[in-house]
Amino acid sequence: MTEWVEIVTEKAGEKSVTQRVPKAWYENSQRVREINSYLTEEFFDVEGVTGVATTTGEEEVEGYTLSQPVVYVEDEHVDKVPSEIDGIPIKTESPKGPIVLD
């Protein structure tokens, strides 16, 4: 049986809007944020890595798609990125455009 939690989705002053979501989905979302922060800090200066983001994964819980970290990295440096952290797969993709240096 799926466990559900109530989360705040909007807040304006003292009023807030909540939504009931699967606990596993919420925990995944929180963990992916933590992993993305770690990846951003860990790979900030690593050659070939151009960014970190969140994408939709392939798994879902009760119709809610789980999130997945994605690291944008040049193909020759993809081996620097872990394939998973704490059981959450890390997706790698080639950078979306040309690298621009200031």
PDB file of N, CA and C in Angstrom:
ATOM      1  N   MET A   1       0.838  -1.178   0.000  1.00  0.00           N
ATOM      2  CA  MET A   1       0.000   0.000   0.000  1.00  0.00           C
ATOM      3  C   MET A   1       0.887   1.247   0.000  1.00  0.00           C
ATOM      4  N   THR A   2       0.532   2.187  -0.813  1.00  0.00           N
ATOM      5  CA  THR A   2       1.308   3.413  -0.959  1.00  0.00           C
ATOM      6  C   THR A   2       1.085   4.355   0.221  1.00  0.00           C
ATOM      7  N   GLU A   3       2.198   4.852   0.776  1.00  0.00           N
ATOM      8  CA  GLU A   3       2.105   5.889   1.805  1.00  0.00           C
ATOM      9  C   GLU A   3       2.050   7.246   1.113  1.00  0.00           C
ATOM     10  N   TRP A   4       1.247   8.155   1.661  1.00  0.00           N
ATOM     11  CA  TRP A   4       1.079   9.485   1.086  1.00  0.00           C
ATOM     12  C   TRP A   4       1.488  10.537   2.102  1.00  0.00           C
ATOM     13  N   VAL A   5       1.961  11.692   1.611  1.00  0.00           N
ATOM     14  CA  VAL A   5       2.293  12.833   2.462  1.00  0.00           C
ATOM     15  C   VAL A   5       1.687  14.092   1.851  1.00  0.00           C
ATOM     16  N   GLU A   6       1.447  15.071   2.697  1.00  0.00           N
ATOM     17  CA  GLU A   6       0.908  16.361   2.255  1.00  0.00           C
ATOM     18  C   GLU A   6       2.073  17.341   2.160  1.00  0.00           C
ATOM     19  N   ILE A   7       2.251  17.955   0.979  1.00  0.00           N
ATOM     20  CA  ILE A   7       3.349  18.908   0.808  1.00  0.00           C
ATOM     21  C   ILE A   7       2.788  20.268   0.404  1.00  0.00           C
ATOM     22  N   VAL A   8       3.510  21.318   0.734  1.00  0.00           N
ATOM     23  CA  VAL A   8       3.130  22.673   0.334  1.00  0.00           C
ATOM     24  C   VAL A   8       3.636  22.891  -1.081  1.00  0.00           C
ATOM     25  N   THR A   9       2.725  23.285  -1.985  1.00  0.00           N
ATOM     26  CA  THR A   9       3.108  23.531  -3.377  1.00  0.00           C
ATOM     27  C   THR A   9       3.148  25.017  -3.708  1.00  0.00           C
ATOM     28  N   GLU A  10       2.423  25.831  -2.947  1.00  0.00           N
ATOM     29  CA  GLU A  10       2.424  27.279  -3.142  1.00  0.00           C
ATOM     30  C   GLU A  10       2.259  27.949  -1.791  1.00  0.00           C
ATOM     31  N   LYS A  11       2.906  29.101  -1.641  1.00  0.00           N
ATOM     32  CA  LYS A  11       2.764  29.836  -0.389  1.00  0.00           C
ATOM     33  C   LYS A  11       2.745  31.322  -0.710  1.00  0.00           C
ATOM     34  N   ALA A  12       1.755  32.015  -0.174  1.00  0.00           N
ATOM     35  CA  ALA A  12       1.637  33.461  -0.341  1.00  0.00           C
ATOM     36  C   ALA A  12       1.236  34.043   1.007  1.00  0.00           C
ATOM     37  N   GLY A  13       2.181  34.697   1.653  1.00  0.00           N
ATOM     38  CA  GLY A  13       1.904  35.224   2.990  1.00  0.00           C
ATOM     39  C   GLY A  13       1.648  34.092   3.961  1.00  0.00           C
ATOM     40  N   GLU A  14       0.495  34.155   4.619  1.00  0.00           N
ATOM     41  CA  GLU A  14       0.142  33.108   5.581  1.00  0.00           C
ATOM     42  C   GLU A  14      -0.659  31.977   4.949  1.00  0.00           C
ATOM     43  N   LYS A  15      -1.074  32.150   3.703  1.00  0.00           N
ATOM     44  CA  LYS A  15      -1.867  31.125   3.023  1.00  0.00           C
ATOM     45  C   LYS A  15      -0.953  30.196   2.236  1.00  0.00           C
ATOM     46  N   SER A  16      -1.354  28.939   2.182  1.00  0.00           N
ATOM     47  CA  SER A  16      -0.581  27.977   1.405  1.00  0.00           C
ATOM     48  C   SER A  16      -1.517  26.972   0.742  1.00  0.00           C
ATOM     49  N   VAL A  17      -1.019  26.395  -0.339  1.00  0.00           N
ATOM     50  CA  VAL A  17      -1.745  25.355  -1.072  1.00  0.00           C
ATOM     51  C   VAL A  17      -0.954  24.065  -0.887  1.00  0.00           C
ATOM     52  N   THR A  18      -1.644  22.985  -0.584  1.00  0.00           N
ATOM     53  CA  THR A  18      -0.970  21.706  -0.393  1.00  0.00           C
ATOM     54  C   THR A  18      -1.462  20.683  -1.403  1.00  0.00           C
ATOM     55  N   GLN A  19      -0.690  19.638  -1.541  1.00  0.00           N
ATOM     56  CA  GLN A  19      -1.037  18.544  -2.439  1.00  0.00           C
ATOM     57  C   GLN A  19      -0.605  17.241  -1.787  1.00  0.00           C
ATOM     58  N   ARG A  20      -1.401  16.231  -1.960  1.00  0.00           N
ATOM     59  CA  ARG A  20      -1.084  14.903  -1.434  1.00  0.00           C
ATOM     60  C   ARG A  20      -0.316  14.131  -2.500  1.00  0.00           C
ATOM     61  N   VAL A  21       0.873  13.637  -2.127  1.00  0.00           N
ATOM     62  CA  VAL A  21       1.739  12.934  -3.079  1.00  0.00           C
ATOM     63  C   VAL A  21       2.274  11.660  -2.436  1.00  0.00           C
ATOM     64  N   PRO A  22       2.695  10.696  -3.256  1.00  0.00           N
ATOM     65  CA  PRO A  22       3.297   9.489  -2.688  1.00  0.00           C
ATOM     66  C   PRO A  22       4.581   9.828  -1.924  1.00  0.00           C
ATOM     67  N   LYS A  23       4.729   9.253  -0.754  1.00  0.00           N
ATOM     68  CA  LYS A  23       5.904   9.503   0.082  1.00  0.00           C
ATOM     69  C   LYS A  23       7.193   9.139  -0.657  1.00  0.00           C
ATOM     70  N   ALA A  24       7.193   8.031  -1.390  1.00  0.00           N
ATOM     71  CA  ALA A  24       8.390   7.606  -2.129  1.00  0.00           C
ATOM     72  C   ALA A  24       8.779   8.643  -3.184  1.00  0.00           C
ATOM     73  N   TRP A  25       7.787   9.246  -3.843  1.00  0.00           N
ATOM     74  CA  TRP A  25       8.053  10.285  -4.842  1.00  0.00           C
ATOM     75  C   TRP A  25       8.660  11.512  -4.169  1.00  0.00           C
ATOM     76  N   TYR A  26       8.078  11.931  -3.048  1.00  0.00           N
ATOM     77  CA  TYR A  26       8.574  13.098  -2.319  1.00  0.00           C
ATOM     78  C   TYR A  26      10.005  12.864  -1.834  1.00  0.00           C
ATOM     79  N   GLU A  27      10.267  11.709  -1.261  1.00  0.00           N
ATOM     80  CA  GLU A  27      11.615  11.403  -0.776  1.00  0.00           C
ATOM     81  C   GLU A  27      12.626  11.367  -1.920  1.00  0.00           C
ATOM     82  N   ASN A  28      12.218  10.830  -3.077  1.00  0.00           N
ATOM     83  CA  ASN A  28      13.081  10.830  -4.257  1.00  0.00           C
ATOM     84  C   ASN A  28      13.397  12.264  -4.679  1.00  0.00           C
ATOM     85  N   SER A  29      12.390  13.119  -4.718  1.00  0.00           N
ATOM     86  CA  SER A  29      12.594  14.520  -5.117  1.00  0.00           C
ATOM     87  C   SER A  29      13.584  15.217  -4.195  1.00  0.00           C
ATOM     88  N   GLN A  30      13.436  14.992  -2.894  1.00  0.00           N
ATOM     89  CA  GLN A  30      14.339  15.609  -1.921  1.00  0.00           C
ATOM     90  C   GLN A  30      15.765  15.075  -2.089  1.00  0.00           C
ATOM     91  N   ARG A  31      15.892  13.782  -2.271  1.00  0.00           N
ATOM     92  CA  ARG A  31      17.219  13.167  -2.405  1.00  0.00           C
ATOM     93  C   ARG A  31      17.909  13.621  -3.687  1.00  0.00           C
ATOM     94  N   VAL A  32      17.154  13.733  -4.777  1.00  0.00           N
ATOM     95  CA  VAL A  32      17.740  14.189  -6.045  1.00  0.00           C
ATOM     96  C   VAL A  32      18.257  15.622  -5.896  1.00  0.00           C
ATOM     97  N   ARG A  33      17.542  16.468  -5.174  1.00  0.00           N
ATOM     98  CA  ARG A  33      18.033  17.836  -4.917  1.00  0.00           C
ATOM     99  C   ARG A  33      19.367  17.803  -4.176  1.00  0.00           C
ATOM    100  N   GLU A  34      19.443  16.957  -3.156  1.00  0.00           N
ATOM    101  CA  GLU A  34      20.693  16.833  -2.391  1.00  0.00           C
ATOM    102  C   GLU A  34      21.831  16.329  -3.277  1.00  0.00           C
ATOM    103  N   ILE A  35      21.540  15.330  -4.098  1.00  0.00           N
ATOM    104  CA  ILE A  35      22.557  14.770  -4.993  1.00  0.00           C
ATOM    105  C   ILE A  35      22.998  15.818  -6.007  1.00  0.00           C
ATOM    106  N   ASN A  36      22.057  16.588  -6.552  1.00  0.00           N
ATOM    107  CA  ASN A  36      22.419  17.632  -7.512  1.00  0.00           C
ATOM    108  C   ASN A  36      23.318  18.683  -6.874  1.00  0.00           C
ATOM    109  N   SER A  37      23.040  19.050  -5.634  1.00  0.00           N
ATOM    110  CA  SER A  37      23.911  20.007  -4.931  1.00  0.00           C
ATOM    111  C   SER A  37      25.316  19.431  -4.786  1.00  0.00           C
ATOM    112  N   TYR A  38      25.383  18.163  -4.396  1.00  0.00           N
ATOM    113  CA  TYR A  38      26.674  17.491  -4.263  1.00  0.00           C
ATOM    114  C   TYR A  38      27.407  17.452  -5.610  1.00  0.00           C
ATOM    115  N   LEU A  39      26.707  17.037  -6.671  1.00  0.00           N
ATOM    116  CA  LEU A  39      27.333  16.934  -7.991  1.00  0.00           C
ATOM    117  C   LEU A  39      27.815  18.296  -8.485  1.00  0.00           C
ATOM    118  N   THR A  40      27.015  19.327  -8.260  1.00  0.00           N
ATOM    119  CA  THR A  40      27.400  20.674  -8.682  1.00  0.00           C
ATOM    120  C   THR A  40      28.684  21.102  -7.985  1.00  0.00           C
ATOM    121  N   GLU A  41      28.751  20.866  -6.689  1.00  0.00           N
ATOM    122  CA  GLU A  41      29.948  21.235  -5.925  1.00  0.00           C
ATOM    123  C   GLU A  41      31.148  20.370  -6.320  1.00  0.00           C
ATOM    124  N   GLU A  42      30.919  19.077  -6.443  1.00  0.00           N
ATOM    125  CA  GLU A  42      32.000  18.128  -6.723  1.00  0.00           C
ATOM    126  C   GLU A  42      32.593  18.309  -8.126  1.00  0.00           C
ATOM    127  N   PHE A  43      31.760  18.649  -9.112  1.00  0.00           N
ATOM    128  CA  PHE A  43      32.212  18.696 -10.503  1.00  0.00           C
ATOM    129  C   PHE A  43      32.317  20.108 -11.063  1.00  0.00           C
ATOM    130  N   PHE A  44      32.226  21.130 -10.197  1.00  0.00           N
ATOM    131  CA  PHE A  44      32.259  22.525 -10.642  1.00  0.00           C
ATOM    132  C   PHE A  44      33.475  22.828 -11.509  1.00  0.00           C
ATOM    133  N   ASP A  45      34.637  22.352 -11.107  1.00  0.00           N
ATOM    134  CA  ASP A  45      35.880  22.646 -11.825  1.00  0.00           C
ATOM    135  C   ASP A  45      36.440  21.455 -12.598  1.00  0.00           C
ATOM    136  N   VAL A  46      35.650  20.419 -12.798  1.00  0.00           N
ATOM    137  CA  VAL A  46      36.147  19.228 -13.485  1.00  0.00           C
ATOM    138  C   VAL A  46      36.078  19.439 -15.001  1.00  0.00           C
ATOM    139  N   GLU A  47      37.200  19.199 -15.652  1.00  0.00           N
ATOM    140  CA  GLU A  47      37.268  19.366 -17.100  1.00  0.00           C
ATOM    141  C   GLU A  47      36.228  18.489 -17.796  1.00  0.00           C
ATOM    142  N   GLY A  48      35.514  19.078 -18.738  1.00  0.00           N
ATOM    143  CA  GLY A  48      34.540  18.339 -19.533  1.00  0.00           C
ATOM    144  C   GLY A  48      33.130  18.364 -18.991  1.00  0.00           C
ATOM    145  N   VAL A  49      32.960  18.720 -17.722  1.00  0.00           N
ATOM    146  CA  VAL A  49      31.620  18.798 -17.137  1.00  0.00           C
ATOM    147  C   VAL A  49      31.116  20.226 -17.301  1.00  0.00           C
ATOM    148  N   THR A  50      29.947  20.381 -17.933  1.00  0.00           N
ATOM    149  CA  THR A  50      29.424  21.722 -18.199  1.00  0.00           C
ATOM    150  C   THR A  50      28.182  22.064 -17.390  1.00  0.00           C
ATOM    151  N   GLY A  51      27.600  21.092 -16.691  1.00  0.00           N
ATOM    152  CA  GLY A  51      26.432  21.422 -15.885  1.00  0.00           C
ATOM    153  C   GLY A  51      25.782  20.215 -15.249  1.00  0.00           C
ATOM    154  N   VAL A  52      24.883  20.512 -14.312  1.00  0.00           N
ATOM    155  CA  VAL A  52      24.105  19.498 -13.601  1.00  0.00           C
ATOM    156  C   VAL A  52      22.660  19.965 -13.592  1.00  0.00           C
ATOM    157  N   ALA A  53      21.734  19.047 -13.797  1.00  0.00           N
ATOM    158  CA  ALA A  53      20.311  19.401 -13.806  1.00  0.00           C
ATOM    159  C   ALA A  53      19.491  18.208 -13.315  1.00  0.00           C
ATOM    160  N   THR A  54      18.195  18.372 -13.360  1.00  0.00           N
ATOM    161  CA  THR A  54      17.268  17.301 -13.006  1.00  0.00           C
ATOM    162  C   THR A  54      16.440  16.968 -14.235  1.00  0.00           C
ATOM    163  N   THR A  55      16.242  15.688 -14.466  1.00  0.00           N
ATOM    164  CA  THR A  55      15.408  15.240 -15.572  1.00  0.00           C
ATOM    165  C   THR A  55      14.419  14.212 -15.036  1.00  0.00           C
ATOM    166  N   THR A  56      13.470  13.835 -15.862  1.00  0.00           N
ATOM    167  CA  THR A  56      12.529  12.799 -15.443  1.00  0.00           C
ATOM    168  C   THR A  56      13.162  11.436 -15.674  1.00  0.00           C
ATOM    169  N   GLY A  57      13.002  10.565 -14.703  1.00  0.00           N
ATOM    170  CA  GLY A  57      13.516   9.212 -14.816  1.00  0.00           C
ATOM    171  C   GLY A  57      12.522   8.326 -15.548  1.00  0.00           C
ATOM    172  N   GLU A  58      12.772   7.034 -15.521  1.00  0.00           N
ATOM    173  CA  GLU A  58      11.894   6.086 -16.203  1.00  0.00           C
ATOM    174  C   GLU A  58      10.905   5.429 -15.257  1.00  0.00           C
ATOM    175  N   GLU A  59      11.149   5.532 -13.946  1.00  0.00           N
ATOM    176  CA  GLU A  59      10.256   4.901 -12.975  1.00  0.00           C
ATOM    177  C   GLU A  59       9.196   5.888 -12.506  1.00  0.00           C
ATOM    178  N   GLU A  60       8.072   5.325 -12.048  1.00  0.00           N
ATOM    179  CA  GLU A  60       7.040   6.178 -11.471  1.00  0.00           C
ATOM    180  C   GLU A  60       6.374   5.484 -10.293  1.00  0.00           C
ATOM    181  N   VAL A  61       5.744   6.303  -9.454  1.00  0.00           N
ATOM    182  CA  VAL A  61       5.012   5.824  -8.288  1.00  0.00           C
ATOM    183  C   VAL A  61       3.622   6.439  -8.348  1.00  0.00           C
ATOM    184  N   GLU A  62       2.608   5.609  -8.473  1.00  0.00           N
ATOM    185  CA  GLU A  62       1.218   6.079  -8.496  1.00  0.00           C
ATOM    186  C   GLU A  62       1.002   7.206  -9.509  1.00  0.00           C
ATOM    187  N   GLY A  63       1.632   7.091 -10.681  1.00  0.00           N
ATOM    188  CA  GLY A  63       1.460   8.091 -11.729  1.00  0.00           C
ATOM    189  C   GLY A  63       2.392   9.290 -11.624  1.00  0.00           C
ATOM    190  N   TYR A  64       3.214   9.348 -10.594  1.00  0.00           N
ATOM    191  CA  TYR A  64       4.191  10.426 -10.417  1.00  0.00           C
ATOM    192  C   TYR A  64       5.553   9.916 -10.875  1.00  0.00           C
ATOM    193  N   THR A  65       6.130  10.581 -11.871  1.00  0.00           N
ATOM    194  CA  THR A  65       7.427  10.172 -12.397  1.00  0.00           C
ATOM    195  C   THR A  65       8.538  10.596 -11.443  1.00  0.00           C
ATOM    196  N   LEU A  66       9.441   9.664 -11.154  1.00  0.00           N
ATOM    197  CA  LEU A  66      10.568   9.967 -10.279  1.00  0.00           C
ATOM    198  C   LEU A  66      11.600  10.814 -11.022  1.00  0.00           C
ATOM    199  N   SER A  67      12.273  11.682 -10.289  1.00  0.00           N
ATOM    200  CA  SER A  67      13.316  12.538 -10.850  1.00  0.00           C
ATOM    201  C   SER A  67      14.640  11.794 -10.898  1.00  0.00           C
ATOM    202  N   GLN A  68      15.546  12.332 -11.712  1.00  0.00           N
ATOM    203  CA  GLN A  68      16.868  11.734 -11.856  1.00  0.00           C
ATOM    204  C   GLN A  68      17.871  12.848 -12.143  1.00  0.00           C
ATOM    205  N   PRO A  69      19.027  12.837 -11.486  1.00  0.00           N
ATOM    206  CA  PRO A  69      20.057  13.827 -11.799  1.00  0.00           C
ATOM    207  C   PRO A  69      20.645  13.553 -13.186  1.00  0.00           C
ATOM    208  N   VAL A  70      21.027  14.623 -13.872  1.00  0.00           N
ATOM    209  CA  VAL A  70      21.719  14.494 -15.151  1.00  0.00           C
ATOM    210  C   VAL A  70      22.944  15.405 -15.110  1.00  0.00           C
ATOM    211  N   VAL A  71      24.073  14.864 -15.553  1.00  0.00           N
ATOM    212  CA  VAL A  71      25.315  15.629 -15.633  1.00  0.00           C
ATOM    213  C   VAL A  71      25.642  15.795 -17.110  1.00  0.00           C
ATOM    214  N   TYR A  72      25.822  17.047 -17.532  1.00  0.00           N
ATOM    215  CA  TYR A  72      26.215  17.332 -18.909  1.00  0.00           C
ATOM    216  C   TYR A  72      27.735  17.288 -18.965  1.00  0.00           C
ATOM    217  N   VAL A  73      28.245  16.330 -19.724  1.00  0.00           N
ATOM    218  CA  VAL A  73      29.683  16.076 -19.747  1.00  0.00           C
ATOM    219  C   VAL A  73      30.100  15.645 -21.150  1.00  0.00           C
ATOM    220  N   GLU A  74      31.254  16.139 -21.574  1.00  0.00           N
ATOM    221  CA  GLU A  74      31.790  15.741 -22.873  1.00  0.00           C
ATOM    222  C   GLU A  74      32.096  14.246 -22.849  1.00  0.00           C
ATOM    223  N   ASP A  75      31.863  13.591 -23.979  1.00  0.00           N
ATOM    224  CA  ASP A  75      31.971  12.132 -24.063  1.00  0.00           C
ATOM    225  C   ASP A  75      33.291  11.573 -23.528  1.00  0.00           C
ATOM    226  N   GLU A  76      34.397  12.250 -23.795  1.00  0.00           N
ATOM    227  CA  GLU A  76      35.693  11.716 -23.367  1.00  0.00           C
ATOM    228  C   GLU A  76      35.922  11.828 -21.854  1.00  0.00           C
ATOM    229  N   HIS A  77      35.016  12.493 -21.137  1.00  0.00           N
ATOM    230  CA  HIS A  77      35.162  12.648 -19.687  1.00  0.00           C
ATOM    231  C   HIS A  77      34.036  11.975 -18.901  1.00  0.00           C
ATOM    232  N   VAL A  78      33.179  11.225 -19.578  1.00  0.00           N
ATOM    233  CA  VAL A  78      32.003  10.633 -18.929  1.00  0.00           C
ATOM    234  C   VAL A  78      32.382   9.656 -17.814  1.00  0.00           C
ATOM    235  N   ASP A  79      33.569   9.071 -17.898  1.00  0.00           N
ATOM    236  CA  ASP A  79      33.993   8.110 -16.869  1.00  0.00           C
ATOM    237  C   ASP A  79      34.283   8.772 -15.521  1.00  0.00           C
ATOM    238  N   LYS A  80      34.325  10.087 -15.464  1.00  0.00           N
ATOM    239  CA  LYS A  80      34.542  10.814 -14.208  1.00  0.00           C
ATOM    240  C   LYS A  80      33.269  10.896 -13.359  1.00  0.00           C
ATOM    241  N   VAL A  81      32.125  10.621 -13.978  1.00  0.00           N
ATOM    242  CA  VAL A  81      30.829  10.776 -13.309  1.00  0.00           C
ATOM    243  C   VAL A  81      30.354   9.413 -12.798  1.00  0.00           C
ATOM    244  N   PRO A  82      29.942   9.322 -11.528  1.00  0.00           N
ATOM    245  CA  PRO A  82      29.443   8.034 -11.016  1.00  0.00           C
ATOM    246  C   PRO A  82      28.142   7.635 -11.709  1.00  0.00           C
ATOM    247  N   SER A  83      27.916   6.347 -11.853  1.00  0.00           N
ATOM    248  CA  SER A  83      26.693   5.870 -12.512  1.00  0.00           C
ATOM    249  C   SER A  83      25.489   5.937 -11.581  1.00  0.00           C
ATOM    250  N   GLU A  84      25.748   5.967 -10.266  1.00  0.00           N
ATOM    251  CA  GLU A  84      24.656   6.096  -9.291  1.00  0.00           C
ATOM    252  C   GLU A  84      25.214   6.595  -7.967  1.00  0.00           C
ATOM    253  N   ILE A  85      24.332   7.206  -7.195  1.00  0.00           N
ATOM    254  CA  ILE A  85      24.659   7.628  -5.834  1.00  0.00           C
ATOM    255  C   ILE A  85      23.491   7.220  -4.956  1.00  0.00           C
ATOM    256  N   ASP A  86      23.771   6.455  -3.921  1.00  0.00           N
ATOM    257  CA  ASP A  86      22.731   5.995  -2.984  1.00  0.00           C
ATOM    258  C   ASP A  86      21.552   5.324  -3.690  1.00  0.00           C
ATOM    259  N   GLY A  87      21.858   4.561  -4.736  1.00  0.00           N
ATOM    260  CA  GLY A  87      20.809   3.836  -5.439  1.00  0.00           C
ATOM    261  C   GLY A  87      20.047   4.653  -6.466  1.00  0.00           C
ATOM    262  N   ILE A  88      20.371   5.932  -6.602  1.00  0.00           N
ATOM    263  CA  ILE A  88      19.705   6.777  -7.603  1.00  0.00           C
ATOM    264  C   ILE A  88      20.628   6.883  -8.803  1.00  0.00           C
ATOM    265  N   PRO A  89      20.164   6.428  -9.984  1.00  0.00           N
ATOM    266  CA  PRO A  89      21.019   6.468 -11.169  1.00  0.00           C
ATOM    267  C   PRO A  89      21.318   7.900 -11.604  1.00  0.00           C
ATOM    268  N   ILE A  90      22.555   8.122 -12.049  1.00  0.00           N
ATOM    269  CA  ILE A  90      22.984   9.419 -12.554  1.00  0.00           C
ATOM    270  C   ILE A  90      23.064   9.309 -14.074  1.00  0.00           C
ATOM    271  N   LYS A  91      22.276  10.104 -14.752  1.00  0.00           N
ATOM    272  CA  LYS A  91      22.272  10.111 -16.215  1.00  0.00           C
ATOM    273  C   LYS A  91      23.363  11.065 -16.697  1.00  0.00           C
ATOM    274  N   THR A  92      24.024  10.725 -17.792  1.00  0.00           N
ATOM    275  CA  THR A  92      24.987  11.637 -18.402  1.00  0.00           C
ATOM    276  C   THR A  92      24.529  11.943 -19.817  1.00  0.00           C
ATOM    277  N   GLU A  93      24.720  13.193 -20.216  1.00  0.00           N
ATOM    278  CA  GLU A  93      24.382  13.626 -21.571  1.00  0.00           C
ATOM    279  C   GLU A  93      25.479  14.541 -22.073  1.00  0.00           C
ATOM    280  N   SER A  94      25.628  14.577 -23.395  1.00  0.00           N
ATOM    281  CA  SER A  94      26.570  15.510 -24.000  1.00  0.00           C
ATOM    282  C   SER A  94      26.047  16.927 -23.802  1.00  0.00           C
ATOM    283  N   PRO A  95      26.947  17.910 -23.701  1.00  0.00           N
ATOM    284  CA  PRO A  95      26.508  19.301 -23.573  1.00  0.00           C
ATOM    285  C   PRO A  95      25.586  19.684 -24.723  1.00  0.00           C
ATOM    286  N   LYS A  96      24.634  20.581 -24.443  1.00  0.00           N
ATOM    287  CA  LYS A  96      23.605  20.946 -25.415  1.00  0.00           C
ATOM    288  C   LYS A  96      24.082  21.895 -26.504  1.00  0.00           C
ATOM    289  N   GLY A  97      25.154  22.617 -26.273  1.00  0.00           N
ATOM    290  CA  GLY A  97      25.614  23.578 -27.271  1.00  0.00           C
ATOM    291  C   GLY A  97      27.106  23.797 -27.143  1.00  0.00           C
ATOM    292  N   PRO A  98      27.615  24.770 -27.897  1.00  0.00           N
ATOM    293  CA  PRO A  98      29.050  25.034 -27.828  1.00  0.00           C
ATOM    294  C   PRO A  98      29.435  25.591 -26.462  1.00  0.00           C
ATOM    295  N   ILE A  99      30.642  25.280 -26.024  1.00  0.00           N
ATOM    296  CA  ILE A  99      31.156  25.814 -24.768  1.00  0.00           C
ATOM    297  C   ILE A  99      31.632  27.238 -25.032  1.00  0.00           C
ATOM    298  N   VAL A 100      31.171  28.172 -24.212  1.00  0.00           N
ATOM    299  CA  VAL A 100      31.540  29.576 -24.359  1.00  0.00           C
ATOM    300  C   VAL A 100      32.381  29.971 -23.158  1.00  0.00           C
ATOM    301  N   LEU A 101      33.574  30.457 -23.411  1.00  0.00           N
ATOM    302  CA  LEU A 101      34.461  30.902 -22.338  1.00  0.00           C
ATOM    303  C   LEU A 101      34.481  32.420 -22.317  1.00  0.00           C
ATOM    304  N   ASP A 102      34.384  32.981 -21.135  1.00  0.00           N
ATOM    305  CA  ASP A 102      34.437  34.451 -21.009  1.00  0.00           C
ATOM    306  C   ASP A 102      35.858  34.933 -20.977  1.00  0.00           C
TER     307      ASP A 102
END
